[in-house]
Amino acid sequence: MAPKPEPVEQIACALCMKEIPRSEATVAEATDYLLYFCGLDCYDIWQKVPHEDIALPAQSTHSTQ
């Protein structure tokens, strides 16, 4: 019996939310967190806009009520 392959860790692109393998992500480091991007296109867009305009999923302050 062949060993089962290890599951690939998936992360979401910080801009378009596309699920990608962590090993293939482009990483941008900020002071308190890491952002992962599916490719250079999303990374370039992120660099061109003010960062406070992008609501990160883990940091969203919108009320769900």
N, C-alpha and C. Protein backbone atom coordinates (compact mmCIF):
# COMPACT_ATOMS: atom_id res chain seq x y z
N MET A 1 0.85 -1.18 0.00
CA MET A 1 0.00 0.00 0.00
C MET A 1 0.90 1.24 0.00
N ALA A 2 0.63 2.15 -0.91
CA ALA A 2 1.41 3.38 -1.02
C ALA A 2 0.99 4.37 0.07
N PRO A 3 1.95 5.13 0.60
CA PRO A 3 1.59 6.13 1.62
C PRO A 3 0.73 7.23 1.01
N LYS A 4 -0.16 7.76 1.83
CA LYS A 4 -1.04 8.84 1.37
C LYS A 4 -0.24 10.13 1.25
N PRO A 5 -0.48 10.90 0.19
CA PRO A 5 0.24 12.17 0.04
C PRO A 5 -0.19 13.16 1.12
N GLU A 6 0.75 14.00 1.52
CA GLU A 6 0.45 15.04 2.50
C GLU A 6 -0.53 16.05 1.91
N PRO A 7 -1.51 16.51 2.68
CA PRO A 7 -2.43 17.52 2.15
C PRO A 7 -1.68 18.84 1.92
N VAL A 8 -2.05 19.53 0.85
CA VAL A 8 -1.42 20.80 0.51
C VAL A 8 -2.16 21.92 1.24
N GLU A 9 -1.42 22.73 1.98
CA GLU A 9 -2.04 23.83 2.71
C GLU A 9 -2.49 24.91 1.74
N GLN A 10 -3.77 25.27 1.81
CA GLN A 10 -4.36 26.28 0.93
C GLN A 10 -4.54 27.58 1.72
N ILE A 11 -4.29 28.70 1.05
CA ILE A 11 -4.53 30.01 1.64
C ILE A 11 -5.28 30.86 0.63
N ALA A 12 -5.90 31.93 1.10
CA ALA A 12 -6.66 32.82 0.22
C ALA A 12 -5.83 34.03 -0.16
N CYS A 13 -5.91 34.42 -1.42
CA CYS A 13 -5.27 35.65 -1.89
C CYS A 13 -5.89 36.82 -1.13
N ALA A 14 -5.06 37.75 -0.66
CA ALA A 14 -5.55 38.90 0.12
C ALA A 14 -6.40 39.85 -0.71
N LEU A 15 -6.33 39.76 -2.03
CA LEU A 15 -7.09 40.69 -2.86
C LEU A 15 -8.31 40.04 -3.48
N CYS A 16 -8.13 38.94 -4.20
CA CYS A 16 -9.25 38.34 -4.92
C CYS A 16 -9.87 37.14 -4.20
N MET A 17 -9.23 36.69 -3.12
CA MET A 17 -9.71 35.59 -2.26
C MET A 17 -9.62 34.22 -2.95
N LYS A 18 -8.93 34.11 -4.06
CA LYS A 18 -8.73 32.82 -4.74
C LYS A 18 -7.89 31.91 -3.84
N GLU A 19 -8.29 30.65 -3.70
CA GLU A 19 -7.55 29.68 -2.91
C GLU A 19 -6.34 29.19 -3.69
N ILE A 20 -5.18 29.27 -3.08
CA ILE A 20 -3.93 28.85 -3.73
C ILE A 20 -3.07 28.08 -2.73
N PRO A 21 -2.20 27.21 -3.23
CA PRO A 21 -1.27 26.53 -2.32
C PRO A 21 -0.30 27.55 -1.71
N ARG A 22 -0.05 27.43 -0.42
CA ARG A 22 0.85 28.37 0.26
C ARG A 22 2.22 28.42 -0.44
N SER A 23 2.69 27.29 -0.93
CA SER A 23 4.01 27.24 -1.55
C SER A 23 4.09 28.05 -2.85
N GLU A 24 2.97 28.38 -3.46
CA GLU A 24 2.96 29.13 -4.71
C GLU A 24 2.57 30.59 -4.53
N ALA A 25 2.35 31.02 -3.31
CA ALA A 25 1.88 32.37 -3.05
C ALA A 25 3.01 33.39 -3.09
N THR A 26 2.67 34.59 -3.51
CA THR A 26 3.57 35.74 -3.41
C THR A 26 3.28 36.37 -2.06
N VAL A 27 4.31 36.65 -1.27
CA VAL A 27 4.13 37.13 0.10
C VAL A 27 4.54 38.59 0.21
N ALA A 28 3.70 39.37 0.87
CA ALA A 28 4.04 40.75 1.22
C ALA A 28 4.04 40.84 2.74
N GLU A 29 5.11 41.32 3.31
CA GLU A 29 5.19 41.44 4.76
C GLU A 29 4.83 42.85 5.18
N ALA A 30 3.98 42.94 6.16
CA ALA A 30 3.63 44.21 6.77
C ALA A 30 4.10 44.14 8.23
N THR A 31 3.90 45.19 8.97
CA THR A 31 4.41 45.20 10.34
C THR A 31 3.81 44.14 11.24
N ASP A 32 2.53 43.89 11.15
CA ASP A 32 1.88 42.97 12.08
C ASP A 32 1.30 41.72 11.43
N TYR A 33 1.43 41.56 10.13
CA TYR A 33 0.79 40.43 9.47
C TYR A 33 1.47 40.13 8.14
N LEU A 34 1.17 38.97 7.59
CA LEU A 34 1.62 38.59 6.25
C LEU A 34 0.42 38.55 5.33
N LEU A 35 0.60 38.98 4.10
CA LEU A 35 -0.46 38.90 3.10
C LEU A 35 0.02 37.97 2.00
N TYR A 36 -0.88 37.15 1.51
CA TYR A 36 -0.55 36.22 0.44
C TYR A 36 -1.35 36.59 -0.80
N PHE A 37 -0.71 36.52 -1.96
CA PHE A 37 -1.34 36.88 -3.22
C PHE A 37 -1.21 35.72 -4.20
N CYS A 38 -2.23 35.53 -5.03
CA CYS A 38 -2.23 34.42 -5.99
C CYS A 38 -1.22 34.63 -7.11
N GLY A 39 -0.81 35.84 -7.32
CA GLY A 39 0.17 36.12 -8.36
C GLY A 39 0.59 37.58 -8.35
N LEU A 40 1.45 37.91 -9.28
CA LEU A 40 1.96 39.28 -9.33
C LEU A 40 0.90 40.30 -9.73
N ASP A 41 -0.12 39.88 -10.48
CA ASP A 41 -1.19 40.82 -10.86
C ASP A 41 -1.91 41.36 -9.63
N CYS A 42 -2.34 40.47 -8.75
CA CYS A 42 -3.02 40.91 -7.52
C CYS A 42 -2.07 41.70 -6.62
N TYR A 43 -0.82 41.26 -6.54
CA TYR A 43 0.16 41.96 -5.72
C TYR A 43 0.37 43.39 -6.24
N ASP A 44 0.49 43.56 -7.56
CA ASP A 44 0.67 44.88 -8.15
C ASP A 44 -0.53 45.79 -7.87
N ILE A 45 -1.74 45.26 -7.97
CA ILE A 45 -2.95 46.04 -7.68
C ILE A 45 -2.93 46.47 -6.22
N TRP A 46 -2.60 45.55 -5.33
CA TRP A 46 -2.55 45.85 -3.90
C TRP A 46 -1.55 46.96 -3.61
N GLN A 47 -0.41 46.94 -4.27
CA GLN A 47 0.61 47.96 -4.04
C GLN A 47 0.16 49.34 -4.51
N LYS A 48 -0.72 49.42 -5.50
CA LYS A 48 -1.12 50.69 -6.09
C LYS A 48 -2.26 51.39 -5.36
N VAL A 49 -2.97 50.68 -4.49
CA VAL A 49 -4.09 51.30 -3.78
C VAL A 49 -3.71 51.54 -2.32
N PRO A 50 -4.32 52.56 -1.69
CA PRO A 50 -4.06 52.75 -0.26
C PRO A 50 -4.47 51.50 0.52
N HIS A 51 -3.62 51.01 1.39
CA HIS A 51 -3.86 49.74 2.07
C HIS A 51 -5.07 49.76 3.00
N GLU A 52 -5.41 50.90 3.56
CA GLU A 52 -6.56 50.94 4.46
C GLU A 52 -7.88 50.77 3.70
N ASP A 53 -7.87 50.88 2.37
CA ASP A 53 -9.08 50.70 1.58
C ASP A 53 -9.43 49.23 1.35
N ILE A 54 -8.49 48.32 1.62
CA ILE A 54 -8.74 46.90 1.42
C ILE A 54 -9.06 46.27 2.77
N ALA A 55 -10.28 45.78 2.93
CA ALA A 55 -10.68 45.12 4.17
C ALA A 55 -10.17 43.69 4.15
N LEU A 56 -9.22 43.39 5.00
CA LEU A 56 -8.70 42.04 5.08
C LEU A 56 -9.70 41.16 5.81
N PRO A 57 -9.90 39.93 5.37
CA PRO A 57 -10.91 39.06 5.98
C PRO A 57 -10.77 38.93 7.49
N ALA A 58 -9.58 38.77 8.00
CA ALA A 58 -9.38 38.56 9.43
C ALA A 58 -9.49 39.86 10.22
N GLN A 59 -9.44 41.00 9.54
CA GLN A 59 -9.42 42.28 10.23
C GLN A 59 -10.66 43.12 9.93
N SER A 60 -11.66 42.53 9.32
CA SER A 60 -12.86 43.26 8.96
C SER A 60 -13.55 43.79 10.20
N THR A 61 -13.99 45.05 10.16
CA THR A 61 -14.66 45.65 11.31
C THR A 61 -16.16 45.81 11.05
N HIS A 62 -16.66 45.26 9.96
CA HIS A 62 -18.08 45.38 9.65
C HIS A 62 -18.91 44.53 10.61
N SER A 63 -20.00 45.06 11.05
CA SER A 63 -20.90 44.33 11.94
C SER A 63 -21.74 43.36 11.12
N THR A 64 -21.99 42.18 11.67
CA THR A 64 -22.82 41.20 10.98
C THR A 64 -24.25 41.26 11.43
N GLN A 65 -24.61 42.25 12.23
CA GLN A 65 -25.98 42.35 12.73
C GLN A 65 -26.80 43.20 11.82
